[in-house]
Amino acid sequence: MEADKDDTQQILKEHSPDEFIKDEQNKG
């Protein structure tokens, strides 16, 4: 499950880095 989540995050990072950064900032 963790690996799957990691995979999804990697895909999101490559697809839309801005969204990924925004999500990371919202978390912490």
Protein backbone atom coordinates (compact mmCIF):
# COMPACT_ATOMS: atom_id res chain seq x y z
CA MET A 1 0.00 0.00 0.00
CA GLU A 2 2.83 2.43 0.88
CA ALA A 3 4.59 1.66 -2.37
CA ASP A 4 1.38 2.27 -4.27
CA LYS A 5 0.94 5.62 -2.55
CA ASP A 6 4.54 6.51 -3.35
CA ASP A 7 3.95 5.59 -6.97
CA THR A 8 0.90 7.84 -7.13
CA GLN A 9 2.80 10.74 -5.60
CA GLN A 10 5.60 10.28 -8.11
CA ILE A 11 3.12 10.35 -10.98
CA LEU A 12 1.43 13.45 -9.56
CA LYS A 13 4.80 15.13 -9.13
CA GLU A 14 5.67 14.52 -12.77
CA HIS A 15 2.20 15.41 -14.01
CA SER A 16 1.62 18.56 -11.98
CA PRO A 17 4.51 19.70 -9.76
CA ASP A 18 2.68 22.87 -8.74
CA GLU A 19 -0.25 20.86 -7.37
CA PHE A 20 2.14 18.54 -5.56
CA ILE A 21 3.99 21.44 -3.92
CA LYS A 22 0.70 23.08 -2.94
CA ASP A 23 -0.45 19.81 -1.36
CA GLU A 24 2.82 19.43 0.52
CA GLN A 25 2.58 22.97 1.85
CA ASN A 26 -1.01 22.41 2.97
CA LYS A 27 0.07 19.32 4.93
CA GLY A 28 2.73 21.03 6.94
